[in-house]
N, C-alpha and C. Protein backbone atom coordinates (compact mmCIF):
# COMPACT_ATOMS: atom_id res chain seq x y z
N MET A 1 126.41 103.99 135.06
CA MET A 1 125.97 104.05 133.68
C MET A 1 125.05 105.25 133.51
N SER A 2 125.19 105.92 132.41
CA SER A 2 124.35 107.06 132.07
C SER A 2 122.95 106.59 131.69
N LEU A 3 121.95 107.34 132.10
CA LEU A 3 120.58 107.01 131.71
C LEU A 3 120.35 107.27 130.23
N ASP A 4 121.22 108.06 129.60
CA ASP A 4 121.08 108.33 128.18
C ASP A 4 121.72 107.26 127.30
N GLN A 5 122.40 106.28 127.97
CA GLN A 5 123.05 105.21 127.21
C GLN A 5 121.99 104.40 126.48
N THR A 6 122.25 104.08 125.22
CA THR A 6 121.28 103.34 124.43
C THR A 6 121.48 101.84 124.61
N THR A 7 120.75 101.27 125.53
CA THR A 7 120.76 99.83 125.74
C THR A 7 119.33 99.36 125.85
N ASP A 8 119.13 98.08 125.72
CA ASP A 8 117.78 97.54 125.80
C ASP A 8 117.18 97.65 127.18
N PHE A 9 118.01 97.75 128.21
CA PHE A 9 117.46 97.75 129.56
C PHE A 9 117.35 99.14 130.17
N VAL A 10 117.82 100.16 129.51
CA VAL A 10 117.64 101.53 129.99
C VAL A 10 116.49 102.13 129.18
N LYS A 11 115.42 102.53 129.87
CA LYS A 11 114.22 103.00 129.20
C LYS A 11 114.07 104.52 129.23
N HIS A 12 115.10 105.24 129.59
CA HIS A 12 115.02 106.69 129.72
C HIS A 12 115.22 107.36 128.37
N GLN A 13 114.40 108.33 128.08
CA GLN A 13 114.53 109.13 126.86
C GLN A 13 114.85 110.56 127.27
N THR A 14 115.90 111.12 126.75
CA THR A 14 116.27 112.49 127.04
C THR A 14 115.31 113.43 126.32
N ALA A 15 114.87 114.44 127.04
CA ALA A 15 113.97 115.44 126.46
C ALA A 15 114.73 116.75 126.30
N THR A 16 114.31 117.53 125.33
CA THR A 16 114.83 118.88 125.15
C THR A 16 113.73 119.86 125.56
N ARG A 17 114.12 121.07 125.86
CA ARG A 17 113.16 122.13 126.16
C ARG A 17 113.32 123.15 125.04
N ASP A 18 112.26 123.35 124.27
CA ASP A 18 112.34 124.18 123.07
C ASP A 18 111.36 125.33 123.14
N ALA A 19 111.78 126.48 122.60
CA ALA A 19 110.95 127.69 122.60
C ALA A 19 110.17 127.77 121.29
N PHE A 20 108.91 128.16 121.42
CA PHE A 20 108.03 128.40 120.29
C PHE A 20 107.41 129.79 120.46
N LEU A 21 106.95 130.35 119.37
CA LEU A 21 106.28 131.66 119.40
C LEU A 21 107.18 132.72 120.03
N GLY A 22 108.44 132.72 119.64
CA GLY A 22 109.37 133.72 120.16
C GLY A 22 109.61 133.60 121.65
N GLY A 23 109.45 132.39 122.19
CA GLY A 23 109.67 132.16 123.61
C GLY A 23 108.43 132.29 124.48
N ARG A 24 107.29 132.64 123.89
CA ARG A 24 106.04 132.73 124.66
C ARG A 24 105.59 131.37 125.16
N LEU A 25 106.03 130.33 124.48
CA LEU A 25 105.66 128.95 124.81
C LEU A 25 106.92 128.11 124.80
N THR A 26 107.16 127.36 125.86
CA THR A 26 108.29 126.44 125.88
C THR A 26 107.77 125.04 126.09
N LEU A 27 108.35 124.10 125.35
CA LEU A 27 107.84 122.73 125.37
C LEU A 27 108.97 121.74 125.54
N SER A 28 108.73 120.72 126.37
CA SER A 28 109.63 119.58 126.45
C SER A 28 109.16 118.57 125.43
N GLN A 29 110.13 117.99 124.72
CA GLN A 29 109.80 116.96 123.73
C GLN A 29 111.00 116.02 123.62
N PRO A 30 110.78 114.81 123.15
CA PRO A 30 111.88 113.86 123.06
C PRO A 30 113.01 114.39 122.16
N ARG A 31 114.24 114.14 122.59
CA ARG A 31 115.38 114.54 121.76
C ARG A 31 115.38 113.77 120.45
N HIS A 32 114.96 112.51 120.49
CA HIS A 32 114.91 111.65 119.30
C HIS A 32 113.47 111.19 119.09
N GLY A 33 113.12 110.94 117.87
CA GLY A 33 111.76 110.50 117.56
C GLY A 33 110.97 111.66 116.98
N PHE A 34 109.65 111.60 117.09
CA PHE A 34 108.81 112.64 116.52
C PHE A 34 108.96 113.92 117.33
N ARG A 35 109.23 115.02 116.65
CA ARG A 35 109.40 116.32 117.30
C ARG A 35 108.47 117.34 116.65
N ALA A 36 107.88 118.18 117.47
CA ALA A 36 106.99 119.22 116.97
C ALA A 36 107.77 120.24 116.17
N GLY A 37 107.11 120.77 115.17
CA GLY A 37 107.74 121.77 114.32
C GLY A 37 106.72 122.77 113.82
N LEU A 38 107.02 123.35 112.69
CA LEU A 38 106.19 124.41 112.13
C LEU A 38 104.77 123.93 111.83
N ASP A 39 104.60 122.67 111.39
CA ASP A 39 103.25 122.19 111.08
C ASP A 39 102.35 122.24 112.31
N SER A 40 102.88 121.89 113.47
CA SER A 40 102.08 121.94 114.70
C SER A 40 101.77 123.37 115.10
N VAL A 41 102.73 124.27 114.91
CA VAL A 41 102.51 125.69 115.23
C VAL A 41 101.43 126.26 114.31
N LEU A 42 101.53 125.96 113.01
CA LEU A 42 100.53 126.47 112.07
C LEU A 42 99.15 125.90 112.36
N LEU A 43 99.08 124.63 112.73
CA LEU A 43 97.80 124.03 113.06
C LEU A 43 97.15 124.72 114.25
N GLY A 44 97.93 124.97 115.29
CA GLY A 44 97.41 125.68 116.47
C GLY A 44 96.97 127.10 116.13
N ALA A 45 97.76 127.77 115.31
CA ALA A 45 97.43 129.14 114.91
C ALA A 45 96.20 129.19 114.01
N ALA A 46 95.89 128.07 113.36
CA ALA A 46 94.72 128.02 112.46
C ALA A 46 93.42 127.72 113.21
N ALA A 47 93.50 127.46 114.49
CA ALA A 47 92.26 127.25 115.26
C ALA A 47 91.41 128.52 115.11
N PRO A 48 90.12 128.35 114.89
CA PRO A 48 89.28 129.53 114.69
C PRO A 48 89.33 130.48 115.88
N ALA A 49 89.52 131.77 115.61
CA ALA A 49 89.53 132.77 116.68
C ALA A 49 88.21 132.72 117.44
N GLY A 50 88.28 132.86 118.72
CA GLY A 50 87.08 132.85 119.55
C GLY A 50 86.59 131.46 119.91
N THR A 51 87.40 130.43 119.65
CA THR A 51 87.01 129.07 120.01
C THR A 51 86.95 128.96 121.53
N GLY A 52 85.83 128.51 122.04
CA GLY A 52 85.68 128.33 123.48
C GLY A 52 86.44 127.09 123.94
N ARG A 53 85.98 125.94 123.50
CA ARG A 53 86.56 124.66 123.93
C ARG A 53 87.11 123.96 122.69
N LEU A 54 88.42 123.70 122.70
CA LEU A 54 89.13 123.12 121.58
C LEU A 54 89.57 121.70 121.90
N LEU A 55 89.48 120.81 120.93
CA LEU A 55 90.00 119.45 121.06
C LEU A 55 91.14 119.29 120.08
N ASP A 56 92.29 118.82 120.58
CA ASP A 56 93.46 118.54 119.75
C ASP A 56 93.64 117.03 119.74
N LEU A 57 93.29 116.39 118.62
CA LEU A 57 93.39 114.94 118.47
C LEU A 57 94.82 114.55 118.12
N GLY A 58 95.36 113.56 118.81
CA GLY A 58 96.73 113.14 118.55
C GLY A 58 97.68 114.26 118.91
N ALA A 59 97.51 114.81 120.10
CA ALA A 59 98.19 116.04 120.51
C ALA A 59 99.70 115.94 120.65
N GLY A 60 100.22 114.75 120.77
CA GLY A 60 101.65 114.63 121.00
C GLY A 60 102.02 115.31 122.31
N VAL A 61 103.04 116.15 122.29
CA VAL A 61 103.46 116.86 123.51
C VAL A 61 102.60 118.10 123.76
N GLY A 62 101.58 118.32 122.92
CA GLY A 62 100.63 119.40 123.14
C GLY A 62 100.86 120.65 122.33
N THR A 63 101.76 120.62 121.39
CA THR A 63 102.17 121.84 120.69
C THR A 63 101.00 122.61 120.07
N ALA A 64 100.22 121.99 119.22
CA ALA A 64 99.16 122.72 118.51
C ALA A 64 98.13 123.30 119.47
N GLY A 65 97.64 122.50 120.39
CA GLY A 65 96.65 123.00 121.35
C GLY A 65 97.19 124.11 122.23
N LEU A 66 98.44 123.98 122.67
CA LEU A 66 99.03 125.00 123.52
C LEU A 66 99.36 126.27 122.74
N VAL A 67 99.68 126.13 121.46
CA VAL A 67 99.85 127.31 120.61
C VAL A 67 98.52 128.05 120.50
N ALA A 68 97.44 127.31 120.27
CA ALA A 68 96.11 127.94 120.17
C ALA A 68 95.78 128.71 121.45
N LEU A 69 96.09 128.13 122.60
CA LEU A 69 95.84 128.82 123.87
C LEU A 69 96.75 130.05 124.01
N SER A 70 98.03 129.87 123.70
CA SER A 70 98.99 130.96 123.86
C SER A 70 98.69 132.15 122.95
N LEU A 71 98.14 131.87 121.79
CA LEU A 71 97.79 132.95 120.85
C LEU A 71 96.40 133.52 121.11
N GLY A 72 95.69 132.99 122.09
CA GLY A 72 94.35 133.47 122.39
C GLY A 72 93.31 133.02 121.39
N ARG A 73 93.60 131.99 120.60
CA ARG A 73 92.65 131.47 119.63
C ARG A 73 91.55 130.67 120.31
N ALA A 74 91.88 130.05 121.46
CA ALA A 74 90.93 129.22 122.20
C ALA A 74 91.01 129.57 123.68
N GLU A 75 89.89 129.38 124.36
CA GLU A 75 89.85 129.63 125.81
C GLU A 75 90.33 128.43 126.61
N ARG A 76 89.92 127.23 126.17
CA ARG A 76 90.27 125.98 126.85
C ARG A 76 90.63 124.95 125.80
N ALA A 77 91.43 123.97 126.20
CA ALA A 77 91.80 122.92 125.25
C ALA A 77 91.94 121.57 125.96
N ASP A 78 91.42 120.54 125.32
CA ASP A 78 91.66 119.16 125.72
C ASP A 78 92.64 118.59 124.71
N LEU A 79 93.72 118.02 125.20
CA LEU A 79 94.77 117.45 124.36
C LEU A 79 94.69 115.94 124.46
N LEU A 80 94.28 115.28 123.39
CA LEU A 80 94.11 113.84 123.40
C LEU A 80 95.35 113.17 122.84
N GLU A 81 95.95 112.28 123.64
CA GLU A 81 97.16 111.57 123.23
C GLU A 81 97.10 110.15 123.80
N ARG A 82 97.42 109.16 122.95
CA ARG A 82 97.33 107.77 123.40
C ARG A 82 98.61 107.23 124.02
N ASP A 83 99.77 107.78 123.64
CA ASP A 83 101.04 107.27 124.16
C ASP A 83 101.29 107.85 125.56
N ALA A 84 101.49 106.97 126.54
CA ALA A 84 101.62 107.39 127.93
C ALA A 84 102.81 108.33 128.16
N ALA A 85 103.96 108.01 127.59
CA ALA A 85 105.15 108.85 127.80
C ALA A 85 104.97 110.22 127.15
N THR A 86 104.35 110.25 125.98
CA THR A 86 104.12 111.51 125.28
C THR A 86 103.06 112.33 126.02
N ALA A 87 102.02 111.67 126.53
CA ALA A 87 101.00 112.36 127.31
C ALA A 87 101.61 112.95 128.58
N ALA A 88 102.57 112.26 129.19
CA ALA A 88 103.24 112.78 130.38
C ALA A 88 104.00 114.07 130.04
N LEU A 89 104.66 114.09 128.89
CA LEU A 89 105.33 115.32 128.46
C LEU A 89 104.32 116.43 128.21
N ALA A 90 103.18 116.09 127.62
CA ALA A 90 102.14 117.09 127.39
C ALA A 90 101.66 117.68 128.72
N ARG A 91 101.48 116.83 129.73
CA ARG A 91 101.06 117.32 131.06
C ARG A 91 102.13 118.26 131.63
N ASP A 92 103.39 117.88 131.49
CA ASP A 92 104.49 118.74 131.95
C ASP A 92 104.47 120.07 131.20
N ASN A 93 104.16 120.04 129.91
CA ASN A 93 104.12 121.27 129.12
C ASN A 93 102.96 122.17 129.52
N VAL A 94 101.83 121.57 129.84
CA VAL A 94 100.69 122.36 130.33
C VAL A 94 101.10 123.07 131.61
N ALA A 95 101.66 122.32 132.55
CA ALA A 95 102.07 122.89 133.84
C ALA A 95 103.22 123.89 133.67
N GLY A 96 104.20 123.55 132.84
CA GLY A 96 105.36 124.41 132.66
C GLY A 96 105.04 125.75 132.03
N ASN A 97 103.91 125.83 131.36
CA ASN A 97 103.49 127.09 130.74
C ASN A 97 102.35 127.76 131.51
N GLY A 98 102.07 127.23 132.70
CA GLY A 98 101.03 127.85 133.54
C GLY A 98 99.64 127.77 132.97
N LEU A 99 99.35 126.70 132.22
CA LEU A 99 98.05 126.59 131.55
C LEU A 99 97.13 125.54 132.18
N GLU A 100 97.41 125.14 133.42
CA GLU A 100 96.61 124.10 134.07
C GLU A 100 95.12 124.44 134.15
N ALA A 101 94.79 125.70 134.29
CA ALA A 101 93.38 126.10 134.40
C ALA A 101 92.68 126.09 133.05
N ARG A 102 93.45 126.03 131.96
CA ARG A 102 92.85 126.13 130.63
C ARG A 102 93.04 124.90 129.76
N ALA A 103 93.92 123.98 130.17
CA ALA A 103 94.21 122.82 129.33
C ALA A 103 94.27 121.56 130.19
N ARG A 104 93.85 120.46 129.58
CA ARG A 104 94.01 119.16 130.23
C ARG A 104 94.40 118.14 129.18
N VAL A 105 95.14 117.15 129.62
CA VAL A 105 95.57 116.08 128.74
C VAL A 105 94.67 114.87 129.00
N ILE A 106 94.11 114.34 127.94
CA ILE A 106 93.30 113.12 128.02
C ILE A 106 94.14 112.01 127.39
N GLU A 107 94.46 111.01 128.19
CA GLU A 107 95.25 109.90 127.69
C GLU A 107 94.32 108.76 127.30
N ALA A 108 94.13 108.59 126.00
CA ALA A 108 93.24 107.55 125.48
C ALA A 108 93.53 107.34 124.00
N ASP A 109 93.14 106.19 123.53
CA ASP A 109 93.25 105.85 122.10
C ASP A 109 91.95 106.27 121.44
N LEU A 110 92.02 107.20 120.50
CA LEU A 110 90.78 107.69 119.87
C LEU A 110 90.06 106.62 119.08
N THR A 111 90.74 105.52 118.74
CA THR A 111 90.09 104.46 117.97
C THR A 111 89.25 103.54 118.85
N VAL A 112 89.28 103.74 120.17
CA VAL A 112 88.52 102.90 121.09
C VAL A 112 87.48 103.78 121.80
N ALA A 113 86.21 103.67 121.37
CA ALA A 113 85.15 104.55 121.87
C ALA A 113 85.00 104.50 123.38
N ASP A 114 85.01 103.31 123.97
CA ASP A 114 84.85 103.20 125.43
C ASP A 114 86.00 103.87 126.17
N ALA A 115 87.21 103.75 125.64
CA ALA A 115 88.38 104.38 126.27
C ALA A 115 88.27 105.90 126.20
N ARG A 116 87.79 106.42 125.08
CA ARG A 116 87.63 107.87 124.93
C ARG A 116 86.65 108.39 125.97
N ARG A 117 85.51 107.76 126.06
CA ARG A 117 84.48 108.24 127.00
C ARG A 117 84.93 108.10 128.45
N ALA A 118 85.58 106.99 128.78
CA ALA A 118 86.06 106.77 130.14
C ALA A 118 87.11 107.81 130.54
N ALA A 119 87.86 108.30 129.56
CA ALA A 119 88.91 109.28 129.84
C ALA A 119 88.38 110.72 129.89
N GLY A 120 87.11 110.92 129.56
CA GLY A 120 86.52 112.25 129.67
C GLY A 120 86.33 113.00 128.37
N TRP A 121 86.43 112.33 127.24
CA TRP A 121 86.23 112.95 125.94
C TRP A 121 84.73 113.17 125.75
N ALA A 122 84.35 114.35 125.38
CA ALA A 122 82.94 114.70 125.24
C ALA A 122 82.50 114.67 123.78
N ASP A 123 81.61 113.75 123.42
CA ASP A 123 81.01 113.79 122.09
C ASP A 123 80.20 115.07 121.97
N ASN A 124 80.25 115.71 120.81
CA ASN A 124 79.51 116.95 120.55
C ASN A 124 79.80 118.03 121.59
N GLY A 125 81.01 118.03 122.15
CA GLY A 125 81.31 118.95 123.25
C GLY A 125 82.35 120.02 122.95
N TYR A 126 82.80 120.12 121.71
CA TYR A 126 83.88 121.05 121.41
C TYR A 126 83.48 122.07 120.36
N ASP A 127 83.94 123.29 120.55
CA ASP A 127 83.67 124.36 119.60
C ASP A 127 84.59 124.28 118.39
N GLY A 128 85.72 123.64 118.55
CA GLY A 128 86.67 123.47 117.45
C GLY A 128 87.47 122.20 117.66
N VAL A 129 87.86 121.57 116.57
CA VAL A 129 88.65 120.35 116.62
C VAL A 129 89.82 120.51 115.65
N ILE A 130 91.02 120.24 116.14
CA ILE A 130 92.20 120.24 115.28
C ILE A 130 92.85 118.87 115.39
N ALA A 131 93.55 118.47 114.33
CA ALA A 131 94.20 117.16 114.33
C ALA A 131 95.35 117.15 113.34
N ASN A 132 96.37 116.42 113.69
CA ASN A 132 97.50 116.19 112.79
C ASN A 132 97.83 114.71 112.89
N PRO A 133 97.02 113.88 112.23
CA PRO A 133 97.18 112.43 112.37
C PRO A 133 98.41 111.92 111.62
N PRO A 134 98.79 110.68 111.88
CA PRO A 134 99.86 110.07 111.09
C PRO A 134 99.55 110.24 109.60
N PHE A 135 100.55 110.60 108.82
CA PHE A 135 100.28 111.00 107.44
C PHE A 135 100.70 110.01 106.38
N PHE A 136 101.36 108.94 106.73
CA PHE A 136 101.70 107.92 105.75
C PHE A 136 100.83 106.68 105.98
N ALA A 137 100.35 106.11 104.90
CA ALA A 137 99.64 104.84 105.00
C ALA A 137 100.64 103.78 105.44
N ALA A 138 100.16 102.78 106.15
CA ALA A 138 101.02 101.70 106.59
C ALA A 138 101.74 101.11 105.38
N GLY A 139 103.06 100.91 105.50
CA GLY A 139 103.83 100.35 104.41
C GLY A 139 104.33 101.36 103.40
N GLN A 140 103.98 102.64 103.54
CA GLN A 140 104.44 103.67 102.61
C GLN A 140 105.43 104.58 103.32
N GLY A 141 106.22 105.28 102.54
CA GLY A 141 107.23 106.17 103.12
C GLY A 141 108.33 105.35 103.77
N THR A 142 109.27 106.03 104.34
CA THR A 142 110.37 105.37 105.03
C THR A 142 109.99 105.20 106.49
N LEU A 143 110.03 103.97 106.96
CA LEU A 143 109.68 103.70 108.35
C LEU A 143 110.82 104.16 109.25
N ALA A 144 110.51 105.03 110.20
CA ALA A 144 111.52 105.53 111.13
C ALA A 144 111.99 104.40 112.04
N PRO A 145 113.28 104.36 112.37
CA PRO A 145 113.78 103.31 113.25
C PRO A 145 113.24 103.45 114.68
N ASP A 146 112.90 104.67 115.09
CA ASP A 146 112.35 104.90 116.41
C ASP A 146 110.86 104.55 116.37
N LEU A 147 110.42 103.61 117.22
CA LEU A 147 109.04 103.12 117.19
C LEU A 147 108.03 104.23 117.43
N ALA A 148 108.30 105.14 118.37
CA ALA A 148 107.35 106.22 118.65
C ALA A 148 107.20 107.14 117.45
N ARG A 149 108.31 107.43 116.78
CA ARG A 149 108.23 108.29 115.59
C ARG A 149 107.51 107.58 114.46
N ALA A 150 107.81 106.29 114.28
CA ALA A 150 107.14 105.52 113.24
C ALA A 150 105.64 105.49 113.49
N ASP A 151 105.24 105.31 114.74
CA ASP A 151 103.83 105.27 115.10
C ASP A 151 103.15 106.61 114.86
N ALA A 152 103.88 107.70 115.06
CA ALA A 152 103.32 109.04 114.85
C ALA A 152 103.20 109.39 113.37
N ARG A 153 103.88 108.64 112.50
CA ARG A 153 103.88 108.96 111.08
C ARG A 153 103.10 107.99 110.21
N HIS A 154 102.79 106.79 110.69
CA HIS A 154 102.17 105.76 109.87
C HIS A 154 100.92 105.21 110.54
N MET A 155 99.89 104.93 109.74
CA MET A 155 98.70 104.24 110.25
C MET A 155 97.98 103.56 109.09
N GLU A 156 97.12 102.62 109.46
CA GLU A 156 96.31 101.92 108.47
C GLU A 156 95.35 102.91 107.81
N THR A 157 95.04 102.68 106.55
CA THR A 157 94.18 103.58 105.79
C THR A 157 92.82 103.77 106.46
N ASP A 158 92.22 102.71 106.97
CA ASP A 158 90.91 102.82 107.62
C ASP A 158 90.96 103.71 108.86
N ALA A 159 92.12 103.80 109.50
CA ALA A 159 92.23 104.61 110.71
C ALA A 159 92.08 106.09 110.42
N LEU A 160 92.50 106.55 109.24
CA LEU A 160 92.34 107.96 108.89
C LEU A 160 90.86 108.33 108.83
N ASP A 161 90.05 107.45 108.27
CA ASP A 161 88.61 107.69 108.23
C ASP A 161 88.05 107.79 109.65
N LEU A 162 88.53 106.93 110.54
CA LEU A 162 88.08 106.96 111.93
C LEU A 162 88.47 108.28 112.60
N TRP A 163 89.67 108.77 112.32
CA TRP A 163 90.08 110.07 112.86
C TRP A 163 89.09 111.15 112.42
N GLY A 164 88.75 111.16 111.14
CA GLY A 164 87.81 112.15 110.63
C GLY A 164 86.44 112.04 111.27
N ARG A 165 85.95 110.80 111.43
CA ARG A 165 84.64 110.61 112.06
C ARG A 165 84.67 111.03 113.53
N CYS A 166 85.76 110.74 114.22
CA CYS A 166 85.89 111.14 115.63
C CYS A 166 85.92 112.67 115.75
N ALA A 167 86.63 113.33 114.84
CA ALA A 167 86.68 114.79 114.86
C ALA A 167 85.29 115.37 114.66
N ALA A 168 84.57 114.84 113.67
CA ALA A 168 83.22 115.35 113.39
C ALA A 168 82.28 115.08 114.56
N ALA A 169 82.37 113.91 115.18
CA ALA A 169 81.49 113.57 116.30
C ALA A 169 81.81 114.38 117.55
N SER A 170 83.01 114.91 117.63
CA SER A 170 83.43 115.67 118.81
C SER A 170 82.96 117.12 118.78
N ALA A 171 82.77 117.65 117.59
CA ALA A 171 82.39 119.06 117.44
C ALA A 171 80.90 119.24 117.66
N ARG A 172 80.57 120.35 118.27
CA ARG A 172 79.16 120.71 118.41
C ARG A 172 78.58 120.94 117.03
N ALA A 173 77.32 120.65 116.86
CA ALA A 173 76.66 120.84 115.56
C ALA A 173 76.81 122.29 115.12
N GLY A 174 77.19 122.45 113.86
CA GLY A 174 77.31 123.78 113.30
C GLY A 174 78.59 124.50 113.65
N GLU A 175 79.49 123.87 114.40
CA GLU A 175 80.73 124.53 114.79
C GLU A 175 81.78 124.39 113.70
N ARG A 176 82.83 125.18 113.82
CA ARG A 176 83.91 125.21 112.85
C ARG A 176 84.96 124.16 113.20
N ARG A 177 85.57 123.59 112.16
CA ARG A 177 86.65 122.62 112.35
C ARG A 177 87.84 123.07 111.52
N SER A 178 89.01 122.88 112.05
CA SER A 178 90.24 123.17 111.31
C SER A 178 91.14 121.95 111.49
N SER A 179 91.58 121.36 110.41
CA SER A 179 92.42 120.18 110.58
C SER A 179 93.37 120.00 109.43
N SER A 180 94.30 119.13 109.65
CA SER A 180 95.22 118.76 108.58
C SER A 180 95.03 117.28 108.29
N ILE A 181 93.78 116.84 108.31
CA ILE A 181 93.50 115.44 108.04
C ILE A 181 93.57 115.21 106.53
N ARG A 182 94.72 114.74 106.11
CA ARG A 182 94.96 114.44 104.71
C ARG A 182 96.06 113.40 104.65
N ARG A 183 96.17 112.76 103.56
CA ARG A 183 97.16 111.68 103.39
C ARG A 183 98.17 112.12 102.36
N LYS A 184 99.45 112.03 102.70
CA LYS A 184 100.52 112.30 101.74
C LYS A 184 100.84 111.02 100.99
N GLY A 185 101.37 111.19 99.78
CA GLY A 185 101.88 110.06 99.00
C GLY A 185 100.86 109.05 98.75
């Protein structure tokens, strides 16, 4: 049986390898479900020039943070992702692009303070914070049939406020923030 066969007992997800920035950055991401696109590239490119330490909240496979590194917008980046399989792809992307010395993946749920700290997230420790949180309120928009994609697109209204507070608490006082924290629809 093929590992790509869609059955309840086969848990393998096929990944694609995609080029970004004219091939300067290549990323593995799930063939189905949430996939990085232009919004992630623009978010990474919008990181303030000269950012020393960047935090990418809800990093997914690492696109925005790795774009910021590849474009020289940031010196170092922490990529925060709660989904274990997606965080594993982000780690592969860091290694596959030779960025191990400049990027690390933190696997934790940003809504759980103890989990964030235990995973190495530094309060007031970042020169810049970027985020692309789920953009539909729970129950709005069309729910994707793929659970991972649905989770990446929908969240409770109160959770968006928490994302904003976490971003603000992560940045050093007086530092610049660039984000796409907004709600559609």
